Amino acid sequence: LLDRVPSRSTQTRVYWTRSTVYRYLKARDQEIADLEKTAALDPSYQGRLRHAGGLRDLDEGRPADAVREFTAALAEEPEHADSLCERGKAKLLLGDRPGALEDLEAGFRKRPELKPYYQSEWRRAKGE
């Protein structure tokens, strides 16, 4: 059905929307598959694809890989506060408290509403 959508922009929106649903369901493989299709149609989604890869790496207990994915996501989309906060979370898992604190606070400066979601990581990074 999706292959028959006539407009690339419509098809991009369909894949993006479905990937968002998969993200909330934590169905990472399906989310990434749809984001790959989205990014193939519109390369501006490449950062979101890398962000999803970082989330999958965190879910699967690979924080070093997650740091690399979030760093790549930020290279594509430097203002993406979620990638900063998630990279901070991954750095904390690796024992890099100063790096975690730097990323978390940078994410909070870009999107203050994220702070409640990362409060425990921020406190641990501060040594509390």
C-alpha atoms as a PDB file:
ATOM      1  CA  LEU A   1       0.000   0.000   0.000  1.00  0.00           C
ATOM      2  CA  LEU A   2       2.716   2.507   0.948  1.00  0.00           C
ATOM      3  CA  ASP A   3       4.577   1.819  -2.290  1.00  0.00           C
ATOM      4  CA  ARG A   4       1.528   3.096  -4.185  1.00  0.00           C
ATOM      5  CA  VAL A   5       1.534   6.519  -2.488  1.00  0.00           C
ATOM      6  CA  PRO A   6       2.086   8.836  -5.469  1.00  0.00           C
ATOM      7  CA  SER A   7       3.854  11.765  -3.815  1.00  0.00           C
ATOM      8  CA  ARG A   8       7.338  11.429  -2.349  1.00  0.00           C
ATOM      9  CA  SER A   9       6.490  14.041   0.250  1.00  0.00           C
ATOM     10  CA  THR A  10       3.346  12.144   1.231  1.00  0.00           C
ATOM     11  CA  GLN A  11       5.258   8.901   1.345  1.00  0.00           C
ATOM     12  CA  THR A  12       7.921  10.550   3.487  1.00  0.00           C
ATOM     13  CA  ARG A  13       5.268  11.772   5.905  1.00  0.00           C
ATOM     14  CA  VAL A  14       3.706   8.313   6.101  1.00  0.00           C
ATOM     15  CA  TYR A  15       7.028   6.615   6.912  1.00  0.00           C
ATOM     16  CA  TRP A  16       7.954   9.367   9.395  1.00  0.00           C
ATOM     17  CA  THR A  17       4.578   9.136  11.156  1.00  0.00           C
ATOM     18  CA  ARG A  18       4.719   5.370  11.373  1.00  0.00           C
ATOM     19  CA  SER A  19       8.305   5.485  12.677  1.00  0.00           C
ATOM     20  CA  THR A  20       7.104   7.839  15.419  1.00  0.00           C
ATOM     21  CA  VAL A  21       4.455   5.335  16.465  1.00  0.00           C
ATOM     22  CA  TYR A  22       7.089   2.591  16.550  1.00  0.00           C
ATOM     23  CA  ARG A  23       9.345   4.839  18.673  1.00  0.00           C
ATOM     24  CA  TYR A  24       6.641   5.195  21.336  1.00  0.00           C
ATOM     25  CA  LEU A  25       6.058   1.445  21.234  1.00  0.00           C
ATOM     26  CA  LYS A  26       9.833   0.928  21.621  1.00  0.00           C
ATOM     27  CA  ALA A  27       9.758  -1.201  18.477  1.00  0.00           C
ATOM     28  CA  ARG A  28      13.237  -0.001  17.517  1.00  0.00           C
ATOM     29  CA  ASP A  29      13.841  -2.262  14.516  1.00  0.00           C
ATOM     30  CA  GLN A  30      10.583  -1.205  12.862  1.00  0.00           C
ATOM     31  CA  GLU A  31      11.225   2.436  13.746  1.00  0.00           C
ATOM     32  CA  ILE A  32      14.671   2.301  12.159  1.00  0.00           C
ATOM     33  CA  ALA A  33      13.385   0.500   9.061  1.00  0.00           C
ATOM     34  CA  ASP A  34      10.849   3.269   8.460  1.00  0.00           C
ATOM     35  CA  LEU A  35      13.395   5.985   9.206  1.00  0.00           C
ATOM     36  CA  GLU A  36      15.767   4.430   6.658  1.00  0.00           C
ATOM     37  CA  LYS A  37      12.988   4.708   4.064  1.00  0.00           C
ATOM     38  CA  THR A  38      12.259   8.268   5.175  1.00  0.00           C
ATOM     39  CA  ALA A  39      15.924   9.298   4.972  1.00  0.00           C
ATOM     40  CA  ALA A  40      16.243   7.683   1.532  1.00  0.00           C
ATOM     41  CA  LEU A  41      13.412   9.918   0.315  1.00  0.00           C
ATOM     42  CA  ASP A  42      14.532  13.002   2.259  1.00  0.00           C
ATOM     43  CA  PRO A  43      18.144  13.090   3.526  1.00  0.00           C
ATOM     44  CA  SER A  44      17.267  15.749   6.104  1.00  0.00           C
ATOM     45  CA  TYR A  45      15.959  12.875   8.276  1.00  0.00           C
ATOM     46  CA  GLN A  46      19.429  11.297   8.539  1.00  0.00           C
ATOM     47  CA  GLY A  47      19.969  12.773  12.020  1.00  0.00           C
ATOM     48  CA  ARG A  48      16.726  11.283  13.310  1.00  0.00           C
ATOM     49  CA  LEU A  49      17.772   7.917  11.881  1.00  0.00           C
ATOM     50  CA  ARG A  50      21.083   8.068  13.767  1.00  0.00           C
ATOM     51  CA  HIS A  51      19.231   9.148  16.944  1.00  0.00           C
ATOM     52  CA  ALA A  52      17.002   6.066  16.685  1.00  0.00           C
ATOM     53  CA  GLY A  53      20.102   3.905  16.251  1.00  0.00           C
ATOM     54  CA  GLY A  54      21.488   5.380  19.462  1.00  0.00           C
ATOM     55  CA  LEU A  55      18.276   4.589  21.313  1.00  0.00           C
ATOM     56  CA  ARG A  56      18.451   1.011  20.081  1.00  0.00           C
ATOM     57  CA  ASP A  57      22.071   0.757  21.229  1.00  0.00           C
ATOM     58  CA  LEU A  58      21.090   2.036  24.682  1.00  0.00           C
ATOM     59  CA  ASP A  59      18.181  -0.421  24.852  1.00  0.00           C
ATOM     60  CA  GLU A  60      20.557  -3.253  23.974  1.00  0.00           C
ATOM     61  CA  GLY A  61      23.189  -2.245  26.540  1.00  0.00           C
ATOM     62  CA  ARG A  62      25.784  -0.775  24.159  1.00  0.00           C
ATOM     63  CA  PRO A  63      26.426   2.744  25.518  1.00  0.00           C
ATOM     64  CA  ALA A  64      29.694   3.248  23.598  1.00  0.00           C
ATOM     65  CA  ASP A  65      27.886   2.540  20.313  1.00  0.00           C
ATOM     66  CA  ALA A  66      25.069   4.816  21.455  1.00  0.00           C
ATOM     67  CA  VAL A  67      27.518   7.685  22.031  1.00  0.00           C
ATOM     68  CA  ARG A  68      28.781   7.264  18.455  1.00  0.00           C
ATOM     69  CA  GLU A  69      25.238   7.241  17.032  1.00  0.00           C
ATOM     70  CA  PHE A  70      24.132  10.310  19.015  1.00  0.00           C
ATOM     71  CA  THR A  71      27.324  12.126  18.005  1.00  0.00           C
ATOM     72  CA  ALA A  72      26.559  11.317  14.355  1.00  0.00           C
ATOM     73  CA  ALA A  73      22.965  12.495  14.872  1.00  0.00           C
ATOM     74  CA  LEU A  74      24.248  15.787  16.280  1.00  0.00           C
ATOM     75  CA  ALA A  75      26.589  16.223  13.313  1.00  0.00           C
ATOM     76  CA  GLU A  76      23.497  16.091  11.101  1.00  0.00           C
ATOM     77  CA  GLU A  77      21.226  18.074  13.419  1.00  0.00           C
ATOM     78  CA  PRO A  78      23.269  20.090  15.980  1.00  0.00           C
ATOM     79  CA  GLU A  79      20.214  21.585  17.697  1.00  0.00           C
ATOM     80  CA  HIS A  80      18.604  18.216  18.505  1.00  0.00           C
ATOM     81  CA  ALA A  81      18.368  18.451  22.298  1.00  0.00           C
ATOM     82  CA  ASP A  82      17.087  14.888  22.666  1.00  0.00           C
ATOM     83  CA  SER A  83      20.301  13.545  21.109  1.00  0.00           C
ATOM     84  CA  LEU A  84      22.370  15.644  23.510  1.00  0.00           C
ATOM     85  CA  CYS A  85      20.464  14.346  26.533  1.00  0.00           C
ATOM     86  CA  GLU A  86      20.550  10.749  25.367  1.00  0.00           C
ATOM     87  CA  ARG A  87      24.283  11.012  24.624  1.00  0.00           C
ATOM     88  CA  GLY A  88      24.714  12.361  28.154  1.00  0.00           C
ATOM     89  CA  LYS A  89      22.822   9.361  29.488  1.00  0.00           C
ATOM     90  CA  ALA A  90      25.078   7.005  27.499  1.00  0.00           C
ATOM     91  CA  LYS A  91      28.212   8.791  28.723  1.00  0.00           C
ATOM     92  CA  LEU A  92      27.007   8.406  32.289  1.00  0.00           C
ATOM     93  CA  LEU A  93      26.687   4.651  31.741  1.00  0.00           C
ATOM     94  CA  LEU A  94      30.306   4.672  30.561  1.00  0.00           C
ATOM     95  CA  GLY A  95      31.415   6.505  33.704  1.00  0.00           C
ATOM     96  CA  ASP A  96      32.086   9.832  31.979  1.00  0.00           C
ATOM     97  CA  ARG A  97      30.307  12.060  34.493  1.00  0.00           C
ATOM     98  CA  PRO A  98      31.804  15.385  33.265  1.00  0.00           C
ATOM     99  CA  GLY A  99      30.892  14.571  29.656  1.00  0.00           C
ATOM    100  CA  ALA A 100      27.418  13.460  30.696  1.00  0.00           C
ATOM    101  CA  LEU A 101      26.834  16.635  32.675  1.00  0.00           C
ATOM    102  CA  GLU A 102      28.015  18.795  29.767  1.00  0.00           C
ATOM    103  CA  ASP A 103      25.668  17.072  27.300  1.00  0.00           C
ATOM    104  CA  LEU A 104      22.684  17.054  29.639  1.00  0.00           C
ATOM    105  CA  GLU A 105      23.027  20.732  30.485  1.00  0.00           C
ATOM    106  CA  ALA A 106      23.486  21.632  26.807  1.00  0.00           C
ATOM    107  CA  GLY A 107      20.291  19.711  26.034  1.00  0.00           C
ATOM    108  CA  PHE A 108      18.437  21.516  28.822  1.00  0.00           C
ATOM    109  CA  ARG A 109      19.566  24.903  27.485  1.00  0.00           C
ATOM    110  CA  LYS A 110      18.105  24.030  24.091  1.00  0.00           C
ATOM    111  CA  ARG A 111      14.888  22.499  25.503  1.00  0.00           C
ATOM    112  CA  PRO A 112      14.317  23.220  29.207  1.00  0.00           C
ATOM    113  CA  GLU A 113      11.200  21.043  29.227  1.00  0.00           C
ATOM    114  CA  LEU A 114      13.450  17.956  28.947  1.00  0.00           C
ATOM    115  CA  LYS A 115      14.988  18.445  32.399  1.00  0.00           C
ATOM    116  CA  PRO A 116      12.324  16.511  34.357  1.00  0.00           C
ATOM    117  CA  TYR A 117      12.837  13.480  32.082  1.00  0.00           C
ATOM    118  CA  TYR A 118      16.582  13.374  32.746  1.00  0.00           C
ATOM    119  CA  GLN A 119      16.609  14.605  36.352  1.00  0.00           C
ATOM    120  CA  SER A 120      18.088  11.424  37.844  1.00  0.00           C
ATOM    121  CA  GLU A 121      20.855  11.249  35.223  1.00  0.00           C
ATOM    122  CA  TRP A 122      21.659  14.935  35.749  1.00  0.00           C
ATOM    123  CA  ARG A 123      21.932  14.428  39.521  1.00  0.00           C
ATOM    124  CA  ARG A 124      24.176  11.383  39.109  1.00  0.00           C
ATOM    125  CA  ALA A 125      26.376  13.281  36.653  1.00  0.00           C
ATOM    126  CA  LYS A 126      26.704  16.057  39.253  1.00  0.00           C
ATOM    127  CA  GLY A 127      27.766  13.466  41.822  1.00  0.00           C
ATOM    128  CA  GLU A 128      24.658  13.729  43.995  1.00  0.00           C
END
